[in-house]
Amino acid sequence: MKTLIATLALATAVPATAHATPDPVAAVRALLARNAGVTLEFLGNTGTDLFWQNDATREQISGGVGLKGTGKLQLGPTGVTASEITRVVQLSGQVLMKQEAAKGDAYFAGLLKSAGTTRMISTKGWLYHLPPKARTWLRTGRAGGGAAAYGDQIINVLEPATLAKLLSTTDRSSVTPWHKNRTTGRNQRIYTRSGMITLKELYRVSPTFREAAGTSAVGTDEIWWQYLYDDRGLPDRLVWHFRTTTKADSIGLGDNRIRSVRLATRFWDWQAKVSITAPKAAPGRGPAVDEIIDILRADDRPR
């Protein structure tokens, strides 16, 4: 994960020059047209409003969430048609979360249950979960192909219209010198674009985001994003972060229990196809708390 961790900071690059550059939106359309498959990894964290300090000893405890995972996606003409993700949730300040859960806070009660490794599969319109420490898969309901992959990602750059809108908000760009990719051995250069987009703008353009959010009251907070693609236009990495400042109708965002979010995703090993099959599963309910997307979803948390 060292490469991905480094990506959480600004990528090192030199200013872009006036030479022909690849078209990243056209490259994504080509990937969808040929039903490509891809492997990915992601790493992120969220900060909550939980904080405690002992004034005598200056001991401090804060509550937050670390998130990391790997997976694979199968693409088709309509976007992500199937996905398989393994994600690990690590909690800090659990003692504070337990105190809030004891007071009746549904969000922190659910978050405590999410700690550990969860597997998710989305295929043929169904979503499956293998919760932490469970042995039996659950078929938790109908879902679009990208649901398991993009509940955490929020920005789906594998939707051409979403990527085009994202890039239209670019305020900075750069390109690296030619260099050898340490994983593939391929000689390449990496283009970087960065800018800001609001949650509201993203909601308008992205079907994946609308499905994942489950509410239109997403607010107008700005997401800082950075998108990296190679000299073929293929996605390489996406980094984004934002702080929640806007009061909205959704309890998830309006209560500001999650104060900041940061996530980096790396794509590699583009191939003709990946194999994703539905597991044997019993009908069941999905997790009450699904971490990052709960910034946007309304829930039953008491005010």
C-alpha atoms as a PDB file:
ATOM      1  CA  MET A   1       0.000   0.000   0.000  1.00  0.00           C
ATOM      2  CA  LYS A   2       3.052   2.342   0.083  1.00  0.00           C
ATOM      3  CA  THR A   3       2.337   3.700  -3.409  1.00  0.00           C
ATOM      4  CA  LEU A   4      -1.276   4.360  -2.529  1.00  0.00           C
ATOM      5  CA  ILE A   5      -0.427   5.959   0.811  1.00  0.00           C
ATOM      6  CA  ALA A   6       1.866   8.392  -0.964  1.00  0.00           C
ATOM      7  CA  THR A   7      -1.000   9.289  -3.281  1.00  0.00           C
ATOM      8  CA  LEU A   8      -2.947  10.769  -0.376  1.00  0.00           C
ATOM      9  CA  ALA A   9      -0.630  13.732  -0.782  1.00  0.00           C
ATOM     10  CA  LEU A  10      -0.337  15.700  -4.031  1.00  0.00           C
ATOM     11  CA  ALA A  11       1.352  13.695  -6.766  1.00  0.00           C
ATOM     12  CA  THR A  12       4.818  14.902  -7.716  1.00  0.00           C
ATOM     13  CA  ALA A  13       4.856  16.106 -11.298  1.00  0.00           C
ATOM     14  CA  VAL A  14       6.184  18.822 -13.573  1.00  0.00           C
ATOM     15  CA  PRO A  15       3.985  21.448 -15.259  1.00  0.00           C
ATOM     16  CA  ALA A  16       2.179  20.209 -18.351  1.00  0.00           C
ATOM     17  CA  THR A  17       3.552  21.466 -21.671  1.00  0.00           C
ATOM     18  CA  ALA A  18       1.734  22.238 -24.886  1.00  0.00           C
ATOM     19  CA  HIS A  19       1.938  18.790 -26.472  1.00  0.00           C
ATOM     20  CA  ALA A  20      -0.812  16.425 -27.525  1.00  0.00           C
ATOM     21  CA  THR A  21      -2.410  14.697 -24.549  1.00  0.00           C
ATOM     22  CA  PRO A  22      -4.617  11.587 -24.378  1.00  0.00           C
ATOM     23  CA  ASP A  23      -8.378  11.891 -23.992  1.00  0.00           C
ATOM     24  CA  PRO A  24      -9.261  10.215 -20.637  1.00  0.00           C
ATOM     25  CA  VAL A  25     -13.027  10.265 -21.292  1.00  0.00           C
ATOM     26  CA  ALA A  26     -12.607   8.560 -24.687  1.00  0.00           C
ATOM     27  CA  ALA A  27     -10.308   5.995 -23.049  1.00  0.00           C
ATOM     28  CA  VAL A  28     -12.988   5.116 -20.456  1.00  0.00           C
ATOM     29  CA  ARG A  29     -15.603   4.783 -23.197  1.00  0.00           C
ATOM     30  CA  ALA A  30     -13.270   2.362 -25.002  1.00  0.00           C
ATOM     31  CA  LEU A  31     -12.828   0.317 -21.809  1.00  0.00           C
ATOM     32  CA  LEU A  32     -16.600  -0.006 -21.435  1.00  0.00           C
ATOM     33  CA  ALA A  33     -17.039  -0.919 -25.108  1.00  0.00           C
ATOM     34  CA  ARG A  34     -14.587  -3.805 -24.864  1.00  0.00           C
ATOM     35  CA  ASN A  35     -15.959  -5.093 -21.517  1.00  0.00           C
ATOM     36  CA  ALA A  36     -12.618  -4.653 -19.777  1.00  0.00           C
ATOM     37  CA  GLY A  37     -11.767  -5.874 -16.302  1.00  0.00           C
ATOM     38  CA  VAL A  38      -9.549  -4.190 -13.734  1.00  0.00           C
ATOM     39  CA  THR A  39      -8.022  -4.688 -10.296  1.00  0.00           C
ATOM     40  CA  LEU A  40      -8.078  -1.898  -7.731  1.00  0.00           C
ATOM     41  CA  GLU A  41      -7.006  -1.030  -4.205  1.00  0.00           C
ATOM     42  CA  PHE A  42      -8.123   1.799  -1.968  1.00  0.00           C
ATOM     43  CA  LEU A  43      -7.080   3.433   1.262  1.00  0.00           C
ATOM     44  CA  GLY A  44      -8.784   6.138   3.269  1.00  0.00           C
ATOM     45  CA  ASN A  45      -9.857   7.546   6.593  1.00  0.00           C
ATOM     46  CA  THR A  46     -12.658   9.532   8.182  1.00  0.00           C
ATOM     47  CA  GLY A  47     -12.635  11.787  11.196  1.00  0.00           C
ATOM     48  CA  THR A  48     -15.611  12.038  13.544  1.00  0.00           C
ATOM     49  CA  ASP A  49     -16.668  14.654  16.081  1.00  0.00           C
ATOM     50  CA  LEU A  50     -15.652  12.389  18.982  1.00  0.00           C
ATOM     51  CA  PHE A  51     -12.905  13.847  21.166  1.00  0.00           C
ATOM     52  CA  TRP A  52     -11.890  13.570  24.838  1.00  0.00           C
ATOM     53  CA  GLN A  53      -9.049  15.192  26.777  1.00  0.00           C
ATOM     54  CA  ASN A  54      -7.874  14.769  30.352  1.00  0.00           C
ATOM     55  CA  ASP A  55      -6.873  18.297  31.361  1.00  0.00           C
ATOM     56  CA  ALA A  56      -4.600  17.019  34.135  1.00  0.00           C
ATOM     57  CA  THR A  57      -2.528  14.603  32.068  1.00  0.00           C
ATOM     58  CA  ARG A  58      -3.212  16.037  28.598  1.00  0.00           C
ATOM     59  CA  GLU A  59      -4.192  12.551  27.457  1.00  0.00           C
ATOM     60  CA  GLN A  60      -6.337  12.769  24.335  1.00  0.00           C
ATOM     61  CA  ILE A  61      -8.627  10.312  22.552  1.00  0.00           C
ATOM     62  CA  SER A  62     -10.308  10.972  19.220  1.00  0.00           C
ATOM     63  CA  GLY A  63     -12.658   8.761  17.254  1.00  0.00           C
ATOM     64  CA  GLY A  64     -12.025   7.915  13.622  1.00  0.00           C
ATOM     65  CA  VAL A  65     -12.117   5.208  10.990  1.00  0.00           C
ATOM     66  CA  GLY A  66      -9.356   3.735   8.843  1.00  0.00           C
ATOM     67  CA  LEU A  67     -10.448   2.020   5.659  1.00  0.00           C
ATOM     68  CA  LYS A  68      -8.528  -0.081   3.142  1.00  0.00           C
ATOM     69  CA  GLY A  69      -9.386  -2.706   0.588  1.00  0.00           C
ATOM     70  CA  THR A  70      -8.793  -4.465  -2.707  1.00  0.00           C
ATOM     71  CA  GLY A  71     -11.078  -5.729  -5.408  1.00  0.00           C
ATOM     72  CA  LYS A  72     -11.852  -6.205  -9.058  1.00  0.00           C
ATOM     73  CA  LEU A  73     -14.393  -4.748 -11.447  1.00  0.00           C
ATOM     74  CA  GLN A  74     -16.029  -6.070 -14.613  1.00  0.00           C
ATOM     75  CA  LEU A  75     -17.089  -3.369 -17.070  1.00  0.00           C
ATOM     76  CA  GLY A  76     -19.750  -3.349 -19.749  1.00  0.00           C
ATOM     77  CA  PRO A  77     -21.411  -0.836 -22.074  1.00  0.00           C
ATOM     78  CA  THR A  78     -23.449   0.623 -19.194  1.00  0.00           C
ATOM     79  CA  GLY A  79     -20.595   0.922 -16.704  1.00  0.00           C
ATOM     80  CA  VAL A  80     -19.525  -1.393 -13.874  1.00  0.00           C
ATOM     81  CA  THR A  81     -21.558  -4.567 -14.373  1.00  0.00           C
ATOM     82  CA  ALA A  82     -20.053  -6.614 -11.540  1.00  0.00           C
ATOM     83  CA  SER A  83     -17.657  -6.044  -8.662  1.00  0.00           C
ATOM     84  CA  GLU A  84     -15.978  -7.949  -5.868  1.00  0.00           C
ATOM     85  CA  ILE A  85     -14.477  -6.008  -2.971  1.00  0.00           C
ATOM     86  CA  THR A  86     -12.706  -6.946   0.257  1.00  0.00           C
ATOM     87  CA  ARG A  87     -12.604  -4.025   2.714  1.00  0.00           C
ATOM     88  CA  VAL A  88     -11.095  -3.698   6.182  1.00  0.00           C
ATOM     89  CA  VAL A  89     -12.464  -1.183   8.698  1.00  0.00           C
ATOM     90  CA  GLN A  90     -10.254  -0.197  11.644  1.00  0.00           C
ATOM     91  CA  LEU A  91     -11.645   2.003  14.433  1.00  0.00           C
ATOM     92  CA  SER A  92      -9.862   4.367  16.787  1.00  0.00           C
ATOM     93  CA  GLY A  93     -11.434   5.757  19.939  1.00  0.00           C
ATOM     94  CA  GLN A  94     -13.793   2.812  20.316  1.00  0.00           C
ATOM     95  CA  VAL A  95     -14.405   3.674  23.969  1.00  0.00           C
ATOM     96  CA  LEU A  96     -15.979   6.962  22.857  1.00  0.00           C
ATOM     97  CA  MET A  97     -18.059   5.198  20.210  1.00  0.00           C
ATOM     98  CA  LYS A  98     -19.335   2.735  22.794  1.00  0.00           C
ATOM     99  CA  GLN A  99     -20.394   5.619  25.018  1.00  0.00           C
ATOM    100  CA  GLU A 100     -22.360   7.182  22.161  1.00  0.00           C
ATOM    101  CA  ALA A 101     -23.899   3.832  21.233  1.00  0.00           C
ATOM    102  CA  ALA A 102     -25.024   3.373  24.858  1.00  0.00           C
ATOM    103  CA  LYS A 103     -26.812   6.740  24.586  1.00  0.00           C
ATOM    104  CA  GLY A 104     -28.805   5.421  21.637  1.00  0.00           C
ATOM    105  CA  ASP A 105     -26.734   6.694  18.713  1.00  0.00           C
ATOM    106  CA  ALA A 106     -27.539   4.296  15.869  1.00  0.00           C
ATOM    107  CA  TYR A 107     -24.623   5.405  13.727  1.00  0.00           C
ATOM    108  CA  PHE A 108     -21.883   4.579  16.223  1.00  0.00           C
ATOM    109  CA  ALA A 109     -23.664   1.375  17.279  1.00  0.00           C
ATOM    110  CA  GLY A 110     -23.606   0.239  13.667  1.00  0.00           C
ATOM    111  CA  LEU A 111     -20.058   1.417  13.117  1.00  0.00           C
ATOM    112  CA  LEU A 112     -18.784  -0.768  15.973  1.00  0.00           C
ATOM    113  CA  LYS A 113     -20.297  -3.806  14.226  1.00  0.00           C
ATOM    114  CA  SER A 114     -18.553  -2.928  10.961  1.00  0.00           C
ATOM    115  CA  ALA A 115     -15.017  -3.239  12.370  1.00  0.00           C
ATOM    116  CA  GLY A 116     -13.033  -5.986  10.677  1.00  0.00           C
ATOM    117  CA  THR A 117     -13.078  -7.500   7.186  1.00  0.00           C
ATOM    118  CA  THR A 118     -16.163  -7.448   4.991  1.00  0.00           C
ATOM    119  CA  ARG A 119     -16.501  -8.932   1.529  1.00  0.00           C
ATOM    120  CA  MET A 120     -19.004  -7.589  -1.000  1.00  0.00           C
ATOM    121  CA  ILE A 121     -20.062  -8.891  -4.408  1.00  0.00           C
ATOM    122  CA  SER A 122     -22.377  -7.186  -6.858  1.00  0.00           C
ATOM    123  CA  THR A 123     -23.417  -9.176  -9.914  1.00  0.00           C
ATOM    124  CA  LYS A 124     -26.486  -9.611 -12.121  1.00  0.00           C
ATOM    125  CA  GLY A 125     -28.286  -6.892 -10.212  1.00  0.00           C
ATOM    126  CA  TRP A 126     -27.886  -8.467  -6.738  1.00  0.00           C
ATOM    127  CA  LEU A 127     -25.696  -7.375  -3.834  1.00  0.00           C
ATOM    128  CA  TYR A 128     -24.069  -9.888  -1.457  1.00  0.00           C
ATOM    129  CA  HIS A 129     -22.295  -9.354   1.882  1.00  0.00           C
ATOM    130  CA  LEU A 130     -20.033 -11.512   4.023  1.00  0.00           C
ATOM    131  CA  PRO A 131     -19.910  -9.523   7.306  1.00  0.00           C
ATOM    132  CA  PRO A 132     -16.913  -9.487   9.661  1.00  0.00           C
ATOM    133  CA  LYS A 133     -16.326 -12.881  11.323  1.00  0.00           C
ATOM    134  CA  ALA A 134     -19.330 -14.394   9.492  1.00  0.00           C
ATOM    135  CA  ARG A 135     -19.194 -17.659   7.571  1.00  0.00           C
ATOM    136  CA  THR A 136     -22.411 -17.325   5.589  1.00  0.00           C
ATOM    137  CA  TRP A 137     -22.951 -14.925   2.714  1.00  0.00           C
ATOM    138  CA  LEU A 138     -26.102 -12.795   2.734  1.00  0.00           C
ATOM    139  CA  ARG A 139     -27.991 -11.694  -0.362  1.00  0.00           C
ATOM    140  CA  THR A 140     -28.993  -8.251   0.811  1.00  0.00           C
ATOM    141  CA  GLY A 141     -31.041  -6.890  -2.083  1.00  0.00           C
ATOM    142  CA  ARG A 142     -31.093  -5.492  -5.590  1.00  0.00           C
ATOM    143  CA  ALA A 143     -28.289  -3.143  -6.562  1.00  0.00           C
ATOM    144  CA  GLY A 144     -26.579  -1.706  -9.609  1.00  0.00           C
ATOM    145  CA  GLY A 145     -23.330  -3.228 -10.809  1.00  0.00           C
ATOM    146  CA  GLY A 146     -21.159  -0.621  -9.149  1.00  0.00           C
ATOM    147  CA  ALA A 147     -22.837  -0.718  -5.735  1.00  0.00           C
ATOM    148  CA  ALA A 148     -20.269  -2.877  -3.953  1.00  0.00           C
ATOM    149  CA  ALA A 149     -17.373  -1.005  -5.534  1.00  0.00           C
ATOM    150  CA  TYR A 150     -18.609   2.528  -5.073  1.00  0.00           C
ATOM    151  CA  GLY A 151     -20.271   2.714  -1.692  1.00  0.00           C
ATOM    152  CA  ASP A 152     -16.857   3.896  -0.487  1.00  0.00           C
ATOM    153  CA  GLN A 153     -15.570   5.513  -3.652  1.00  0.00           C
ATOM    154  CA  ILE A 154     -18.338   8.159  -4.078  1.00  0.00           C
ATOM    155  CA  ILE A 155     -16.747   9.405  -7.355  1.00  0.00           C
ATOM    156  CA  ASN A 156     -17.105   6.833 -10.141  1.00  0.00           C
ATOM    157  CA  VAL A 157     -14.621   7.828 -12.850  1.00  0.00           C
ATOM    158  CA  LEU A 158     -15.724   4.807 -14.906  1.00  0.00           C
ATOM    159  CA  GLU A 159     -18.891   6.716 -15.849  1.00  0.00           C
ATOM    160  CA  PRO A 160     -17.871   8.822 -18.893  1.00  0.00           C
ATOM    161  CA  ALA A 161     -20.335  11.640 -18.137  1.00  0.00           C
ATOM    162  CA  THR A 162     -19.208  11.764 -14.499  1.00  0.00           C
ATOM    163  CA  LEU A 163     -15.539  11.843 -15.509  1.00  0.00           C
ATOM    164  CA  ALA A 164     -16.215  14.558 -18.104  1.00  0.00           C
ATOM    165  CA  LYS A 165     -17.995  16.699 -15.504  1.00  0.00           C
ATOM    166  CA  LEU A 166     -15.191  16.125 -13.001  1.00  0.00           C
ATOM    167  CA  LEU A 167     -12.514  17.166 -15.488  1.00  0.00           C
ATOM    168  CA  SER A 168     -14.513  20.251 -16.447  1.00  0.00           C
ATOM    169  CA  THR A 169     -13.822  21.580 -12.936  1.00  0.00           C
ATOM    170  CA  THR A 170     -10.020  21.240 -13.359  1.00  0.00           C
ATOM    171  CA  ASP A 171      -8.019  24.138 -11.988  1.00  0.00           C
ATOM    172  CA  ARG A 172      -4.548  22.563 -12.138  1.00  0.00           C
ATOM    173  CA  SER A 173      -2.792  20.041 -14.388  1.00  0.00           C
ATOM    174  CA  SER A 174       0.657  18.498 -14.730  1.00  0.00           C
ATOM    175  CA  VAL A 175       2.499  15.605 -16.361  1.00  0.00           C
ATOM    176  CA  THR A 176       5.454  13.478 -15.299  1.00  0.00           C
ATOM    177  CA  PRO A 177       8.505  12.719 -17.436  1.00  0.00           C
ATOM    178  CA  TRP A 178       8.575   9.348 -19.199  1.00  0.00           C
ATOM    179  CA  HIS A 179       9.451   6.584 -16.737  1.00  0.00           C
ATOM    180  CA  LYS A 180       9.170   2.819 -16.305  1.00  0.00           C
ATOM    181  CA  ASN A 181       6.201   1.459 -14.364  1.00  0.00           C
ATOM    182  CA  ARG A 182       7.673  -0.657 -11.549  1.00  0.00           C
ATOM    183  CA  THR A 183       4.735  -3.087 -11.641  1.00  0.00           C
ATOM    184  CA  THR A 184       4.305  -3.667 -15.388  1.00  0.00           C
ATOM    185  CA  GLY A 185       7.687  -2.576 -16.763  1.00  0.00           C
ATOM    186  CA  ARG A 186       5.895  -0.397 -19.307  1.00  0.00           C
ATOM    187  CA  ASN A 187       7.398   2.964 -20.272  1.00  0.00           C
ATOM    188  CA  GLN A 188       4.786   5.605 -19.473  1.00  0.00           C
ATOM    189  CA  ARG A 189       3.995   9.119 -18.347  1.00  0.00           C
ATOM    190  CA  ILE A 190       1.264  10.107 -15.906  1.00  0.00           C
ATOM    191  CA  TYR A 191      -1.055  13.071 -16.361  1.00  0.00           C
ATOM    192  CA  THR A 192      -2.576  14.707 -13.278  1.00  0.00           C
ATOM    193  CA  ARG A 193      -5.673  16.897 -13.127  1.00  0.00           C
ATOM    194  CA  SER A 194      -7.124  18.362  -9.949  1.00  0.00           C
ATOM    195  CA  GLY A 195      -9.978  20.635  -8.927  1.00  0.00           C
ATOM    196  CA  MET A 196     -13.156  20.984  -6.887  1.00  0.00           C
ATOM    197  CA  ILE A 197     -16.691  19.682  -7.426  1.00  0.00           C
ATOM    198  CA  THR A 198     -19.683  20.012  -5.124  1.00  0.00           C
ATOM    199  CA  LEU A 199     -21.672  17.081  -3.811  1.00  0.00           C
ATOM    200  CA  LYS A 200     -24.727  18.591  -5.479  1.00  0.00           C
ATOM    201  CA  GLU A 201     -23.016  18.707  -8.896  1.00  0.00           C
ATOM    202  CA  LEU A 202     -21.842  15.121  -8.506  1.00  0.00           C
ATOM    203  CA  TYR A 203     -25.350  14.005  -7.567  1.00  0.00           C
ATOM    204  CA  ARG A 204     -26.781  15.518 -10.759  1.00  0.00           C
ATOM    205  CA  VAL A 205     -24.418  13.722 -13.100  1.00  0.00           C
ATOM    206  CA  SER A 206     -23.606  10.350 -11.467  1.00  0.00           C
ATOM    207  CA  PRO A 207     -26.160   7.482 -11.353  1.00  0.00           C
ATOM    208  CA  THR A 208     -23.811   5.524  -9.064  1.00  0.00           C
ATOM    209  CA  PHE A 209     -23.630   8.375  -6.576  1.00  0.00           C
ATOM    210  CA  ARG A 210     -27.412   8.866  -6.606  1.00  0.00           C
ATOM    211  CA  GLU A 211     -27.989   5.169  -5.909  1.00  0.00           C
ATOM    212  CA  ALA A 212     -25.352   4.991  -3.183  1.00  0.00           C
ATOM    213  CA  ALA A 213     -26.422   8.188  -1.415  1.00  0.00           C
ATOM    214  CA  GLY A 214     -30.081   7.214  -1.188  1.00  0.00           C
ATOM    215  CA  THR A 215     -31.060  10.870  -0.638  1.00  0.00           C
ATOM    216  CA  SER A 216     -31.043  14.050  -2.691  1.00  0.00           C
ATOM    217  CA  ALA A 217     -30.205  16.174   0.366  1.00  0.00           C
ATOM    218  CA  VAL A 218     -26.463  15.861  -0.140  1.00  0.00           C
ATOM    219  CA  GLY A 219     -25.591  19.477   0.539  1.00  0.00           C
ATOM    220  CA  THR A 220     -23.187  21.743  -1.321  1.00  0.00           C
ATOM    221  CA  ASP A 221     -19.850  20.882   0.291  1.00  0.00           C
ATOM    222  CA  GLU A 222     -16.910  20.901  -2.116  1.00  0.00           C
ATOM    223  CA  ILE A 223     -14.923  17.767  -2.837  1.00  0.00           C
ATOM    224  CA  TRP A 224     -11.244  18.322  -3.628  1.00  0.00           C
ATOM    225  CA  TRP A 225     -10.218  15.723  -6.235  1.00  0.00           C
ATOM    226  CA  GLN A 226      -7.084  14.641  -8.053  1.00  0.00           C
ATOM    227  CA  TYR A 227      -7.251  12.278 -11.052  1.00  0.00           C
ATOM    228  CA  LEU A 228      -4.241  10.561 -12.603  1.00  0.00           C
ATOM    229  CA  TYR A 229      -4.237   8.780 -15.970  1.00  0.00           C
ATOM    230  CA  ASP A 230      -1.503   7.390 -18.208  1.00  0.00           C
ATOM    231  CA  ASP A 231      -0.404   8.279 -21.730  1.00  0.00           C
ATOM    232  CA  ARG A 232      -3.120   5.972 -23.118  1.00  0.00           C
ATOM    233  CA  GLY A 233      -5.761   7.838 -21.133  1.00  0.00           C
ATOM    234  CA  LEU A 234      -6.359   4.849 -18.825  1.00  0.00           C
ATOM    235  CA  PRO A 235      -7.306   5.546 -15.188  1.00  0.00           C
ATOM    236  CA  ASP A 236      -4.362   5.236 -12.825  1.00  0.00           C
ATOM    237  CA  ARG A 237      -5.403   6.805  -9.497  1.00  0.00           C
ATOM    238  CA  LEU A 238      -8.130   8.930  -7.983  1.00  0.00           C
ATOM    239  CA  VAL A 239      -7.757  10.871  -4.731  1.00  0.00           C
ATOM    240  CA  TRP A 240     -10.459  12.959  -3.109  1.00  0.00           C
ATOM    241  CA  HIS A 241     -11.278  14.498   0.244  1.00  0.00           C
ATOM    242  CA  PHE A 242     -13.703  16.931   1.817  1.00  0.00           C
ATOM    243  CA  ARG A 243     -14.814  18.331   5.140  1.00  0.00           C
ATOM    244  CA  THR A 244     -18.507  18.387   6.016  1.00  0.00           C
ATOM    245  CA  THR A 245     -19.575  21.915   6.788  1.00  0.00           C
ATOM    246  CA  THR A 246     -23.031  22.285   5.266  1.00  0.00           C
ATOM    247  CA  LYS A 247     -26.194  21.636   7.214  1.00  0.00           C
ATOM    248  CA  ALA A 248     -28.586  19.588   5.096  1.00  0.00           C
ATOM    249  CA  ASP A 249     -31.906  17.785   5.441  1.00  0.00           C
ATOM    250  CA  SER A 250     -30.158  14.423   5.711  1.00  0.00           C
ATOM    251  CA  ILE A 251     -29.406  13.495   9.324  1.00  0.00           C
ATOM    252  CA  GLY A 252     -26.261  11.716   8.184  1.00  0.00           C
ATOM    253  CA  LEU A 253     -24.689  14.956   6.971  1.00  0.00           C
ATOM    254  CA  GLY A 254     -26.722  17.432   9.022  1.00  0.00           C
ATOM    255  CA  ASP A 255     -25.565  16.119  12.390  1.00  0.00           C
ATOM    256  CA  ASN A 256     -21.908  16.421  11.325  1.00  0.00           C
ATOM    257  CA  ARG A 257     -20.850  13.294  13.203  1.00  0.00           C
ATOM    258  CA  ILE A 258     -18.374  12.674  10.380  1.00  0.00           C
ATOM    259  CA  ARG A 259     -16.190  15.765   9.980  1.00  0.00           C
ATOM    260  CA  SER A 260     -13.792  14.814   7.177  1.00  0.00           C
ATOM    261  CA  VAL A 261     -13.257  12.076   4.609  1.00  0.00           C
ATOM    262  CA  ARG A 262     -10.263  11.123   2.486  1.00  0.00           C
ATOM    263  CA  LEU A 263      -9.878   8.271  -0.009  1.00  0.00           C
ATOM    264  CA  ALA A 264      -7.336   7.185  -2.629  1.00  0.00           C
ATOM    265  CA  THR A 265      -7.994   4.486  -5.223  1.00  0.00           C
ATOM    266  CA  ARG A 266      -5.454   2.913  -7.588  1.00  0.00           C
ATOM    267  CA  PHE A 267      -6.362   0.988 -10.752  1.00  0.00           C
ATOM    268  CA  TRP A 268      -4.049  -1.506 -12.413  1.00  0.00           C
ATOM    269  CA  ASP A 269      -3.966  -4.760 -14.386  1.00  0.00           C
ATOM    270  CA  TRP A 270      -6.424  -3.794 -17.116  1.00  0.00           C
ATOM    271  CA  GLN A 271      -7.455  -7.019 -18.822  1.00  0.00           C
ATOM    272  CA  ALA A 272      -9.987  -8.551 -21.177  1.00  0.00           C
ATOM    273  CA  LYS A 273     -12.284  -9.844 -18.466  1.00  0.00           C
ATOM    274  CA  VAL A 274     -12.389 -10.759 -14.787  1.00  0.00           C
ATOM    275  CA  SER A 275     -14.362 -13.596 -13.233  1.00  0.00           C
ATOM    276  CA  ILE A 276     -16.978 -12.569 -10.659  1.00  0.00           C
ATOM    277  CA  THR A 277     -19.615 -15.079  -9.601  1.00  0.00           C
ATOM    278  CA  ALA A 278     -22.437 -14.930  -7.090  1.00  0.00           C
ATOM    279  CA  PRO A 279     -21.760 -16.853  -3.855  1.00  0.00           C
ATOM    280  CA  LYS A 280     -24.190 -19.283  -2.244  1.00  0.00           C
ATOM    281  CA  ALA A 281     -26.148 -16.996   0.042  1.00  0.00           C
ATOM    282  CA  ALA A 282     -29.181 -16.741   2.275  1.00  0.00           C
ATOM    283  CA  PRO A 283     -31.509 -13.720   2.132  1.00  0.00           C
ATOM    284  CA  GLY A 284     -30.578 -11.155   4.758  1.00  0.00           C
ATOM    285  CA  ARG A 285     -30.171  -7.495   5.605  1.00  0.00           C
ATOM    286  CA  GLY A 286     -27.165  -5.391   4.753  1.00  0.00           C
ATOM    287  CA  PRO A 287     -25.155  -3.486   7.353  1.00  0.00           C
ATOM    288  CA  ALA A 288     -26.991  -0.703   9.156  1.00  0.00           C
ATOM    289  CA  VAL A 289     -23.890   1.451   8.806  1.00  0.00           C
ATOM    290  CA  ASP A 290     -21.778   1.355   5.660  1.00  0.00           C
ATOM    291  CA  GLU A 291     -19.203   3.966   6.769  1.00  0.00           C
ATOM    292  CA  ILE A 292     -18.288   6.605   4.160  1.00  0.00           C
ATOM    293  CA  ILE A 293     -21.620   6.785   2.372  1.00  0.00           C
ATOM    294  CA  ASP A 294     -23.354   7.370   5.720  1.00  0.00           C
ATOM    295  CA  ILE A 295     -22.209  10.967   5.494  1.00  0.00           C
ATOM    296  CA  LEU A 296     -25.047  11.337   3.024  1.00  0.00           C
ATOM    297  CA  ARG A 297     -27.663   8.815   4.002  1.00  0.00           C
ATOM    298  CA  ALA A 298     -30.377   9.693   6.469  1.00  0.00           C
ATOM    299  CA  ASP A 299     -30.623   7.256   9.360  1.00  0.00           C
ATOM    300  CA  ASP A 300     -32.491   6.784  12.644  1.00  0.00           C
ATOM    301  CA  ARG A 301     -29.982   8.628  14.817  1.00  0.00           C
ATOM    302  CA  PRO A 302     -31.754  10.676  17.465  1.00  0.00           C
ATOM    303  CA  ARG A 303     -31.228  14.433  17.209  1.00  0.00           C
END
